[in-house]
Amino acid sequence: GRGGFVEIAMRAGVPVIPIAVVGAEEA
């Protein structure tokens, strides 16, 4: 998207915790 999640994290002063999921595409 337009990076809204990054701007929210910046504004709140918190890090982003990325999560990768494999398997949902086949389910």
PDB file of all heavy atoms in Angstrom:
ATOM      1  N   GLY A   1       0.803  -1.218   0.000  1.00  0.00           N
ATOM      2  CA  GLY A   1       0.000   0.000   0.000  1.00  0.00           C
ATOM      3  C   GLY A   1       0.835   1.266   0.000  1.00  0.00           C
ATOM      4  O   GLY A   1       1.833   1.362  -0.693  1.00  0.00           O
ATOM      5  N   ARG A   2       0.442   2.225   0.805  1.00  0.00           N
ATOM      6  CA  ARG A   2       1.156   3.508   0.876  1.00  0.00           C
ATOM      7  C   ARG A   2       1.998   3.627   2.131  1.00  0.00           C
ATOM      8  O   ARG A   2       2.394   4.711   2.524  1.00  0.00           O
ATOM      9  CB  ARG A   2       0.154   4.650   0.780  1.00  0.00           C
ATOM     10  CG  ARG A   2      -0.470   4.745  -0.614  1.00  0.00           C
ATOM     11  CD  ARG A   2      -1.532   5.767  -0.655  1.00  0.00           C
ATOM     12  NE  ARG A   2      -2.730   5.134  -0.085  1.00  0.00           N
ATOM     13  CZ  ARG A   2      -3.913   5.670  -0.013  1.00  0.00           C
ATOM     14  NH1 ARG A   2      -4.103   6.881  -0.455  1.00  0.00           N
ATOM     15  NH2 ARG A   2      -4.925   5.025   0.498  1.00  0.00           N
ATOM     16  N   GLY A   3       2.248   2.504   2.788  1.00  0.00           N
ATOM     17  CA  GLY A   3       3.135   2.511   3.947  1.00  0.00           C
ATOM     18  C   GLY A   3       2.519   3.057   5.210  1.00  0.00           C
ATOM     19  O   GLY A   3       3.237   3.476   6.119  1.00  0.00           O
ATOM     20  N   GLY A   4       1.206   3.026   5.313  1.00  0.00           N
ATOM     21  CA  GLY A   4       0.538   3.549   6.506  1.00  0.00           C
ATOM     22  C   GLY A   4       0.998   2.887   7.791  1.00  0.00           C
ATOM     23  O   GLY A   4       1.139   3.544   8.829  1.00  0.00           O
ATOM     24  N   PHE A   5       1.278   1.587   7.728  1.00  0.00           N
ATOM     25  CA  PHE A   5       1.717   0.876   8.933  1.00  0.00           C
ATOM     26  C   PHE A   5       3.065   1.390   9.414  1.00  0.00           C
ATOM     27  O   PHE A   5       3.325   1.447  10.618  1.00  0.00           O
ATOM     28  CB  PHE A   5       1.761  -0.641   8.692  1.00  0.00           C
ATOM     29  CG  PHE A   5       2.883  -1.098   7.792  1.00  0.00           C
ATOM     30  CD1 PHE A   5       4.033  -1.642   8.336  1.00  0.00           C
ATOM     31  CD2 PHE A   5       2.774  -1.003   6.415  1.00  0.00           C
ATOM     32  CE1 PHE A   5       5.061  -2.084   7.520  1.00  0.00           C
ATOM     33  CE2 PHE A   5       3.793  -1.446   5.591  1.00  0.00           C
ATOM     34  CZ  PHE A   5       4.943  -1.981   6.143  1.00  0.00           C
ATOM     35  N   VAL A   6       3.925   1.813   8.481  1.00  0.00           N
ATOM     36  CA  VAL A   6       5.231   2.370   8.855  1.00  0.00           C
ATOM     37  C   VAL A   6       5.044   3.725   9.524  1.00  0.00           C
ATOM     38  O   VAL A   6       5.641   4.011  10.563  1.00  0.00           O
ATOM     39  CB  VAL A   6       6.159   2.491   7.632  1.00  0.00           C
ATOM     40  CG1 VAL A   6       7.414   3.276   7.969  1.00  0.00           C
ATOM     41  CG2 VAL A   6       6.518   1.118   7.091  1.00  0.00           C
ATOM     42  N   GLU A   7       4.206   4.561   8.939  1.00  0.00           N
ATOM     43  CA  GLU A   7       3.977   5.892   9.503  1.00  0.00           C
ATOM     44  C   GLU A   7       3.356   5.796  10.905  1.00  0.00           C
ATOM     45  O   GLU A   7       3.732   6.541  11.806  1.00  0.00           O
ATOM     46  CB  GLU A   7       3.081   6.720   8.583  1.00  0.00           C
ATOM     47  CG  GLU A   7       3.038   8.166   8.994  1.00  0.00           C
ATOM     48  CD  GLU A   7       2.451   9.062   7.922  1.00  0.00           C
ATOM     49  OE1 GLU A   7       2.104   8.592   6.834  1.00  0.00           O
ATOM     50  OE2 GLU A   7       2.331  10.266   8.210  1.00  0.00           O
ATOM     51  N   ILE A   8       2.448   4.860  11.097  1.00  0.00           N
ATOM     52  CA  ILE A   8       1.840   4.672  12.423  1.00  0.00           C
ATOM     53  C   ILE A   8       2.907   4.244  13.424  1.00  0.00           C
ATOM     54  O   ILE A   8       2.957   4.746  14.560  1.00  0.00           O
ATOM     55  CB  ILE A   8       0.695   3.645  12.352  1.00  0.00           C
ATOM     56  CG1 ILE A   8      -0.489   4.244  11.591  1.00  0.00           C
ATOM     57  CG2 ILE A   8       0.270   3.188  13.746  1.00  0.00           C
ATOM     58  CD1 ILE A   8      -1.567   3.244  11.228  1.00  0.00           C
ATOM     59  N   ALA A   9       3.777   3.315  13.027  1.00  0.00           N
ATOM     60  CA  ALA A   9       4.842   2.854  13.929  1.00  0.00           C
ATOM     61  C   ALA A   9       5.807   3.997  14.243  1.00  0.00           C
ATOM     62  O   ALA A   9       6.239   4.150  15.390  1.00  0.00           O
ATOM     63  CB  ALA A   9       5.594   1.682  13.305  1.00  0.00           C
ATOM     64  N   MET A  10       6.149   4.807  13.238  1.00  0.00           N
ATOM     65  CA  MET A  10       7.033   5.960  13.461  1.00  0.00           C
ATOM     66  C   MET A  10       6.406   6.926  14.452  1.00  0.00           C
ATOM     67  O   MET A  10       7.053   7.381  15.387  1.00  0.00           O
ATOM     68  CB  MET A  10       7.322   6.680  12.140  1.00  0.00           C
ATOM     69  CG  MET A  10       8.250   5.955  11.226  1.00  0.00           C
ATOM     70  SD  MET A  10       8.402   6.906   9.682  1.00  0.00           S
ATOM     71  CE  MET A  10       9.813   6.119   8.945  1.00  0.00           C
ATOM     72  N   ARG A  11       5.136   7.222  14.235  1.00  0.00           N
ATOM     73  CA  ARG A  11       4.435   8.177  15.092  1.00  0.00           C
ATOM     74  C   ARG A  11       4.347   7.666  16.528  1.00  0.00           C
ATOM     75  O   ARG A  11       4.475   8.438  17.483  1.00  0.00           O
ATOM     76  CB  ARG A  11       3.042   8.431  14.523  1.00  0.00           C
ATOM     77  CG  ARG A  11       2.363   9.623  15.145  1.00  0.00           C
ATOM     78  CD  ARG A  11       1.135  10.045  14.392  1.00  0.00           C
ATOM     79  NE  ARG A  11       1.550  10.760  13.193  1.00  0.00           N
ATOM     80  CZ  ARG A  11       0.991  10.622  11.993  1.00  0.00           C
ATOM     81  NH1 ARG A  11      -0.011   9.792  11.830  1.00  0.00           N
ATOM     82  NH2 ARG A  11       1.421  11.311  10.969  1.00  0.00           N
ATOM     83  N   ALA A  12       4.163   6.346  16.684  1.00  0.00           N
ATOM     84  CA  ALA A  12       4.045   5.761  18.021  1.00  0.00           C
ATOM     85  C   ALA A  12       5.403   5.484  18.651  1.00  0.00           C
ATOM     86  O   ALA A  12       5.479   5.189  19.845  1.00  0.00           O
ATOM     87  CB  ALA A  12       3.236   4.472  17.951  1.00  0.00           C
ATOM     88  N   GLY A  13       6.473   5.545  17.840  1.00  0.00           N
ATOM     89  CA  GLY A  13       7.810   5.278  18.361  1.00  0.00           C
ATOM     90  C   GLY A  13       8.047   3.803  18.669  1.00  0.00           C
ATOM     91  O   GLY A  13       8.796   3.471  19.582  1.00  0.00           O
ATOM     92  N   VAL A  14       7.397   2.924  17.898  1.00  0.00           N
ATOM     93  CA  VAL A  14       7.533   1.485  18.121  1.00  0.00           C
ATOM     94  C   VAL A  14       8.082   0.819  16.862  1.00  0.00           C
ATOM     95  O   VAL A  14       7.936   1.342  15.759  1.00  0.00           O
ATOM     96  CB  VAL A  14       6.181   0.842  18.506  1.00  0.00           C
ATOM     97  CG1 VAL A  14       5.670   1.430  19.812  1.00  0.00           C
ATOM     98  CG2 VAL A  14       5.158   1.019  17.405  1.00  0.00           C
ATOM     99  N   PRO A  15       8.702  -0.351  17.020  1.00  0.00           N
ATOM    100  CA  PRO A  15       9.189  -1.062  15.837  1.00  0.00           C
ATOM    101  C   PRO A  15       8.063  -1.835  15.155  1.00  0.00           C
ATOM    102  O   PRO A  15       6.997  -2.041  15.731  1.00  0.00           O
ATOM    103  CB  PRO A  15      10.220  -2.035  16.418  1.00  0.00           C
ATOM    104  CG  PRO A  15       9.725  -2.306  17.792  1.00  0.00           C
ATOM    105  CD  PRO A  15       9.099  -1.008  18.258  1.00  0.00           C
ATOM    106  N   VAL A  16       8.311  -2.258  13.932  1.00  0.00           N
ATOM    107  CA  VAL A  16       7.417  -3.162  13.210  1.00  0.00           C
ATOM    108  C   VAL A  16       8.013  -4.553  13.338  1.00  0.00           C
ATOM    109  O   VAL A  16       9.225  -4.728  13.171  1.00  0.00           O
ATOM    110  CB  VAL A  16       7.301  -2.756  11.718  1.00  0.00           C
ATOM    111  CG1 VAL A  16       6.618  -3.835  10.903  1.00  0.00           C
ATOM    112  CG2 VAL A  16       6.561  -1.442  11.579  1.00  0.00           C
ATOM    113  N   ILE A  17       7.188  -5.539  13.645  1.00  0.00           N
ATOM    114  CA  ILE A  17       7.638  -6.930  13.746  1.00  0.00           C
ATOM    115  C   ILE A  17       7.124  -7.670  12.508  1.00  0.00           C
ATOM    116  O   ILE A  17       5.955  -8.052  12.450  1.00  0.00           O
ATOM    117  CB  ILE A  17       7.089  -7.628  15.014  1.00  0.00           C
ATOM    118  CG1 ILE A  17       7.276  -6.783  16.266  1.00  0.00           C
ATOM    119  CG2 ILE A  17       7.681  -9.021  15.149  1.00  0.00           C
ATOM    120  CD1 ILE A  17       8.686  -6.608  16.714  1.00  0.00           C
ATOM    121  N   PRO A  18       7.979  -7.877  11.497  1.00  0.00           N
ATOM    122  CA  PRO A  18       7.525  -8.585  10.285  1.00  0.00           C
ATOM    123  C   PRO A  18       7.334 -10.074  10.569  1.00  0.00           C
ATOM    124  O   PRO A  18       8.090 -10.682  11.326  1.00  0.00           O
ATOM    125  CB  PRO A  18       8.666  -8.378   9.295  1.00  0.00           C
ATOM    126  CG  PRO A  18       9.572  -7.362   9.897  1.00  0.00           C
ATOM    127  CD  PRO A  18       9.340  -7.385  11.364  1.00  0.00           C
ATOM    128  N   ILE A  19       6.322 -10.653   9.943  1.00  0.00           N
ATOM    129  CA  ILE A  19       6.031 -12.077  10.102  1.00  0.00           C
ATOM    130  C   ILE A  19       5.817 -12.678   8.718  1.00  0.00           C
ATOM    131  O   ILE A  19       5.052 -12.152   7.915  1.00  0.00           O
ATOM    132  CB  ILE A  19       4.782 -12.288  10.976  1.00  0.00           C
ATOM    133  CG1 ILE A  19       5.021 -11.724  12.377  1.00  0.00           C
ATOM    134  CG2 ILE A  19       4.395 -13.765  11.034  1.00  0.00           C
ATOM    135  CD1 ILE A  19       3.826 -11.754  13.282  1.00  0.00           C
ATOM    136  N   ALA A  20       6.497 -13.793   8.441  1.00  0.00           N
ATOM    137  CA  ALA A  20       6.342 -14.514   7.179  1.00  0.00           C
ATOM    138  C   ALA A  20       5.571 -15.800   7.455  1.00  0.00           C
ATOM    139  O   ALA A  20       5.878 -16.512   8.407  1.00  0.00           O
ATOM    140  CB  ALA A  20       7.710 -14.825   6.585  1.00  0.00           C
ATOM    141  N   VAL A  21       4.569 -16.079   6.624  1.00  0.00           N
ATOM    142  CA  VAL A  21       3.736 -17.271   6.799  1.00  0.00           C
ATOM    143  C   VAL A  21       3.732 -18.068   5.499  1.00  0.00           C
ATOM    144  O   VAL A  21       3.422 -17.526   4.437  1.00  0.00           O
ATOM    145  CB  VAL A  21       2.279 -16.892   7.165  1.00  0.00           C
ATOM    146  CG1 VAL A  21       1.411 -18.126   7.306  1.00  0.00           C
ATOM    147  CG2 VAL A  21       2.243 -16.059   8.427  1.00  0.00           C
ATOM    148  N   VAL A  22       4.067 -19.348   5.595  1.00  0.00           N
ATOM    149  CA  VAL A  22       4.001 -20.254   4.454  1.00  0.00           C
ATOM    150  C   VAL A  22       2.953 -21.313   4.774  1.00  0.00           C
ATOM    151  O   VAL A  22       2.946 -21.868   5.867  1.00  0.00           O
ATOM    152  CB  VAL A  22       5.376 -20.911   4.188  1.00  0.00           C
ATOM    153  CG1 VAL A  22       5.253 -22.056   3.208  1.00  0.00           C
ATOM    154  CG2 VAL A  22       6.360 -19.882   3.678  1.00  0.00           C
ATOM    155  N   GLY A  23       2.061 -21.551   3.839  1.00  0.00           N
ATOM    156  CA  GLY A  23       1.020 -22.562   4.012  1.00  0.00           C
ATOM    157  C   GLY A  23      -0.376 -22.018   3.792  1.00  0.00           C
ATOM    158  O   GLY A  23      -1.267 -22.750   3.373  1.00  0.00           O
ATOM    159  N   ALA A  24      -0.583 -20.756   4.065  1.00  0.00           N
ATOM    160  CA  ALA A  24      -1.917 -20.171   3.929  1.00  0.00           C
ATOM    161  C   ALA A  24      -2.386 -20.182   2.474  1.00  0.00           C
ATOM    162  O   ALA A  24      -3.573 -20.369   2.202  1.00  0.00           O
ATOM    163  CB  ALA A  24      -1.915 -18.745   4.466  1.00  0.00           C
ATOM    164  N   GLU A  25      -1.473 -20.019   1.544  1.00  0.00           N
ATOM    165  CA  GLU A  25      -1.837 -19.985   0.127  1.00  0.00           C
ATOM    166  C   GLU A  25      -2.405 -21.321  -0.343  1.00  0.00           C
ATOM    167  O   GLU A  25      -3.228 -21.360  -1.237  1.00  0.00           O
ATOM    168  CB  GLU A  25      -0.617 -19.612  -0.724  1.00  0.00           C
ATOM    169  CG  GLU A  25      -0.036 -18.265  -0.405  1.00  0.00           C
ATOM    170  CD  GLU A  25      -0.828 -17.113  -0.976  1.00  0.00           C
ATOM    171  OE1 GLU A  25      -1.685 -17.336  -1.844  1.00  0.00           O
ATOM    172  OE2 GLU A  25      -0.579 -15.980  -0.543  1.00  0.00           O
ATOM    173  N   GLU A  26      -1.943 -22.412   0.251  1.00  0.00           N
ATOM    174  CA  GLU A  26      -2.431 -23.726  -0.138  1.00  0.00           C
ATOM    175  C   GLU A  26      -3.699 -24.112   0.603  1.00  0.00           C
ATOM    176  O   GLU A  26      -4.459 -24.960   0.141  1.00  0.00           O
ATOM    177  CB  GLU A  26      -1.354 -24.791   0.106  1.00  0.00           C
ATOM    178  CG  GLU A  26      -0.199 -24.717  -0.858  1.00  0.00           C
ATOM    179  CD  GLU A  26       0.871 -23.722  -0.446  1.00  0.00           C
ATOM    180  OE1 GLU A  26       0.807 -23.187   0.674  1.00  0.00           O
ATOM    181  OE2 GLU A  26       1.780 -23.478  -1.255  1.00  0.00           O
ATOM    182  N   ALA A  27      -3.943 -23.528   1.756  1.00  0.00           N
ATOM    183  CA  ALA A  27      -5.124 -23.856   2.540  1.00  0.00           C
ATOM    184  C   ALA A  27      -6.400 -23.333   1.879  1.00  0.00           C
ATOM    185  O   ALA A  27      -7.456 -23.949   1.993  1.00  0.00           O
ATOM    186  CB  ALA A  27      -5.006 -23.289   3.950  1.00  0.00           C
TER     187      ALA A  27
END
